């Protein structure tokens, strides 16, 4: 999940020429911000689903997870997320409980039960007995989540050199890039440690 500004460069970028580096215009006009929530399938290397909206709150993330789960309603899901509060929210707990058909009482937010605190909600969402569960990256280690690698690819390949006239233009170009990435560039990331590939 990341926020992206729709920046329009005042003048076009001047391309490289013999003896000259590329010269990018540093002045820009801001046209608003778009929040991108995306999922990375570690088995295929494809972007599994994405959601773009002006905000990135609790309901936005829960809506995205619901959209993702609808691609395989009866499947087992392991979702990797950082410890942002929206990844441990009341609406997310209710969504997982509903999708897993759990009958247990969830309690009341801030008072009792599973919903009492962020820690109790995180423990419920990470429960390995559920067919939908979250694995949270350690504090200050969100870089362990492979979607962060993909976000850096998005920045380098699209956002860094582009100019966007509006948030709609930004959204359109990101959607086109996701389609292009899935068709031509998608492959599992092979992280290595001591020179040996690590596979999912």
Protein backbone atom coordinates (compact mmCIF):
# COMPACT_ATOMS: atom_id res chain seq x y z
CA UNK A 1 0.00 0.00 0.00
CA UNK A 2 1.49 3.30 -1.04
CA UNK A 3 0.47 6.88 -1.84
CA UNK A 4 1.46 8.28 -5.24
CA UNK A 5 1.32 11.93 -6.31
CA UNK A 6 0.04 12.80 -9.78
CA UNK A 7 2.78 15.21 -10.85
CA UNK A 8 2.73 17.03 -14.18
CA UNK A 9 6.14 18.31 -15.31
CA UNK A 10 6.02 21.92 -16.55
CA UNK A 11 8.35 21.14 -19.46
CA UNK A 12 9.17 17.87 -21.24
CA UNK A 13 12.24 15.84 -20.30
CA UNK A 14 15.17 16.40 -22.63
CA UNK A 15 16.57 13.04 -23.77
CA UNK A 16 20.21 11.93 -23.62
CA UNK A 17 22.50 13.03 -26.43
CA UNK A 18 26.19 12.41 -27.01
CA UNK A 19 27.99 14.21 -24.18
CA UNK A 20 24.76 15.14 -22.32
CA UNK A 21 22.78 13.25 -19.70
CA UNK A 22 18.98 13.14 -19.65
CA UNK A 23 17.61 16.40 -18.23
CA UNK A 24 14.36 16.14 -16.32
CA UNK A 25 12.27 19.20 -15.47
CA UNK A 26 12.31 19.77 -11.71
CA UNK A 27 9.23 22.04 -11.56
CA UNK A 28 5.84 20.38 -11.50
CA UNK A 29 2.14 20.87 -10.83
CA UNK A 30 0.47 18.62 -8.24
CA UNK A 31 -2.85 17.13 -9.30
CA UNK A 32 -3.65 15.14 -6.16
CA UNK A 33 -2.73 11.80 -4.69
CA UNK A 34 -3.80 8.26 -5.39
CA UNK A 35 -3.33 5.35 -2.98
CA UNK A 36 -2.35 2.07 -4.58
CA UNK A 37 -3.03 -1.19 -2.76
CA UNK A 38 -1.63 -4.19 -4.62
CA UNK A 39 -1.02 -7.88 -4.08
CA UNK A 40 1.97 -9.84 -5.36
CA UNK A 41 1.58 -13.57 -6.06
CA UNK A 42 4.95 -14.95 -4.94
CA UNK A 43 4.41 -18.18 -6.89
CA UNK A 44 3.92 -16.56 -10.31
CA UNK A 45 5.40 -13.09 -9.84
CA UNK A 46 2.18 -11.49 -11.10
CA UNK A 47 0.26 -8.64 -9.53
CA UNK A 48 -2.76 -10.57 -8.24
CA UNK A 49 -5.10 -7.64 -7.71
CA UNK A 50 -4.92 -3.93 -7.18
CA UNK A 51 -7.08 -1.13 -5.89
CA UNK A 52 -6.67 2.61 -6.37
CA UNK A 53 -8.53 5.22 -4.37
CA UNK A 54 -7.91 8.69 -2.95
CA UNK A 55 -7.52 7.25 0.57
CA UNK A 56 -5.88 4.24 2.21
CA UNK A 57 -7.93 3.74 5.32
CA UNK A 58 -9.39 0.74 7.08
CA UNK A 59 -12.35 0.36 4.71
CA UNK A 60 -10.13 0.75 1.62
CA UNK A 61 -7.85 -2.10 2.71
CA UNK A 62 -10.74 -4.35 3.77
CA UNK A 63 -12.43 -3.71 0.39
CA UNK A 64 -9.20 -4.65 -1.39
CA UNK A 65 -8.81 -7.88 0.63
CA UNK A 66 -12.44 -8.79 -0.12
CA UNK A 67 -11.80 -8.22 -3.84
CA UNK A 68 -8.69 -10.42 -3.63
CA UNK A 69 -10.47 -13.23 -1.76
CA UNK A 70 -13.28 -13.24 -4.34
CA UNK A 71 -10.78 -14.50 -6.94
CA UNK A 72 -10.72 -17.86 -5.05
CA UNK A 73 -13.55 -17.81 -2.46
CA UNK A 74 -12.87 -21.29 -1.02
CA UNK A 75 -9.06 -21.19 -1.25
CA UNK A 76 -6.54 -21.02 1.54
CA UNK A 77 -4.87 -17.63 1.76
CA UNK A 78 -1.69 -16.46 3.44
CA UNK A 79 -1.38 -12.69 3.15
CA UNK A 80 1.86 -10.94 4.07
CA UNK A 81 1.50 -7.42 5.43
CA UNK A 82 3.39 -4.92 7.54
CA UNK A 83 2.09 -3.81 10.92
CA UNK A 84 0.13 -0.77 9.74
CA UNK A 85 -3.01 -0.31 11.83
CA UNK A 86 -5.30 -0.75 8.80
CA UNK A 87 -3.85 -4.26 8.37
CA UNK A 88 -5.17 -5.17 11.84
CA UNK A 89 -8.54 -3.41 11.77
CA UNK A 90 -12.00 -4.29 13.04
CA UNK A 91 -13.46 -4.48 9.53
CA UNK A 92 -10.68 -6.86 8.44
CA UNK A 93 -11.36 -9.15 11.43
CA UNK A 94 -15.07 -9.16 10.58
CA UNK A 95 -14.31 -9.92 6.92
CA UNK A 96 -12.02 -12.87 7.77
CA UNK A 97 -14.49 -14.22 10.36
CA UNK A 98 -17.30 -14.00 7.79
CA UNK A 99 -15.28 -15.62 4.96
CA UNK A 100 -14.06 -18.42 7.26
CA UNK A 101 -17.62 -18.85 8.63
CA UNK A 102 -16.45 -18.54 12.23
CA UNK A 103 -19.26 -18.48 14.77
CA UNK A 104 -17.26 -17.21 17.73
CA UNK A 105 -18.19 -13.91 19.31
CA UNK A 106 -15.78 -11.19 18.26
CA UNK A 107 -16.58 -8.93 21.19
CA UNK A 108 -16.63 -5.15 21.06
CA UNK A 109 -13.85 -2.88 19.83
CA UNK A 110 -11.90 -1.37 22.72
CA UNK A 111 -13.84 -3.34 25.34
CA UNK A 112 -13.68 -7.14 25.03
CA UNK A 113 -13.01 -10.19 22.88
CA UNK A 114 -11.02 -10.44 19.67
CA UNK A 115 -11.80 -6.82 18.79
CA UNK A 116 -10.54 -5.44 22.12
CA UNK A 117 -7.13 -4.23 20.94
CA UNK A 118 -4.90 -4.06 17.91
CA UNK A 119 -2.80 -6.88 19.39
CA UNK A 120 -5.84 -9.16 19.87
CA UNK A 121 -7.02 -8.42 16.32
CA UNK A 122 -3.54 -9.17 14.92
CA UNK A 123 -3.43 -12.48 16.85
CA UNK A 124 -6.84 -13.44 15.42
CA UNK A 125 -5.82 -12.54 11.87
CA UNK A 126 -2.55 -14.50 12.19
CA UNK A 127 -4.21 -17.65 13.60
CA UNK A 128 -2.90 -20.61 11.54
CA UNK A 129 -6.17 -22.53 12.08
CA UNK A 130 -8.00 -20.10 9.77
CA UNK A 131 -7.96 -20.71 6.01
CA UNK A 132 -7.36 -16.96 5.59
CA UNK A 133 -4.52 -15.69 7.70
CA UNK A 134 -2.05 -12.85 7.81
CA UNK A 135 1.68 -13.06 8.40
CA UNK A 136 3.05 -9.77 9.68
CA UNK A 137 6.57 -8.63 8.91
CA UNK A 138 8.69 -7.72 11.95
CA UNK A 139 8.69 -4.08 13.02
CA UNK A 140 10.84 -1.91 10.71
CA UNK A 141 11.17 -4.78 8.20
CA UNK A 142 8.41 -4.07 5.68
CA UNK A 143 11.09 -4.48 3.00
CA UNK A 144 10.74 -8.24 3.58
CA UNK A 145 7.36 -8.04 1.85
CA UNK A 146 7.97 -8.72 -1.85
CA UNK A 147 5.33 -6.21 -2.97
CA UNK A 148 7.80 -3.53 -1.83
CA UNK A 149 10.24 -4.78 -4.50
CA UNK A 150 7.47 -4.45 -7.08
CA UNK A 151 6.67 -0.91 -5.90
CA UNK A 152 10.32 0.01 -6.58
CA UNK A 153 9.97 -1.46 -10.10
CA UNK A 154 6.85 0.67 -10.62
CA UNK A 155 8.74 3.79 -9.53
CA UNK A 156 11.78 3.11 -11.73
CA UNK A 157 9.88 1.97 -14.82
CA UNK A 158 6.88 4.32 -14.79
CA UNK A 159 6.58 6.99 -12.13
CA UNK A 160 10.09 8.46 -12.15
CA UNK A 161 10.03 9.66 -15.77
CA UNK A 162 6.31 10.22 -16.35
CA UNK A 163 4.11 13.28 -16.25
CA UNK A 164 0.46 12.94 -15.22
CA UNK A 165 -2.24 15.49 -16.06
CA UNK A 166 -4.65 14.17 -13.40
CA UNK A 167 -5.20 11.34 -10.92
CA UNK A 168 -7.30 9.61 -13.61
CA UNK A 169 -4.32 9.77 -15.98
CA UNK A 170 -2.10 8.37 -13.22
CA UNK A 171 -4.58 5.55 -12.53
CA UNK A 172 -4.85 4.69 -16.23
CA UNK A 173 -1.07 4.53 -16.68
CA UNK A 174 -0.60 2.40 -13.54
CA UNK A 175 -3.28 -0.04 -14.74
CA UNK A 176 -1.58 -0.25 -18.14
CA UNK A 177 1.78 -0.85 -16.45
CA UNK A 178 0.32 -3.64 -14.28
CA UNK A 179 -1.09 -5.33 -17.40
CA UNK A 180 2.26 -4.92 -19.19
CA UNK A 181 4.18 -6.22 -16.17
CA UNK A 182 1.93 -9.29 -15.82
CA UNK A 183 2.24 -10.12 -19.53
CA UNK A 184 5.96 -9.55 -20.07
CA UNK A 185 7.95 -9.16 -16.86
CA UNK A 186 6.25 -11.30 -14.20
CA UNK A 187 8.39 -13.99 -12.62
CA UNK A 188 8.96 -15.07 -9.03
CA UNK A 189 11.67 -13.14 -7.22
CA UNK A 190 14.56 -15.42 -6.30
CA UNK A 191 15.99 -14.03 -3.12
CA UNK A 192 19.37 -15.45 -2.33
CA UNK A 193 21.34 -16.03 0.81
CA UNK A 194 24.86 -17.40 0.45
CA UNK A 195 24.30 -17.74 -3.28
CA UNK A 196 21.48 -20.31 -3.12
CA UNK A 197 18.00 -19.41 -4.43
CA UNK A 198 15.20 -19.24 -1.87
CA UNK A 199 11.86 -20.41 -3.24
CA UNK A 200 8.35 -19.81 -1.94
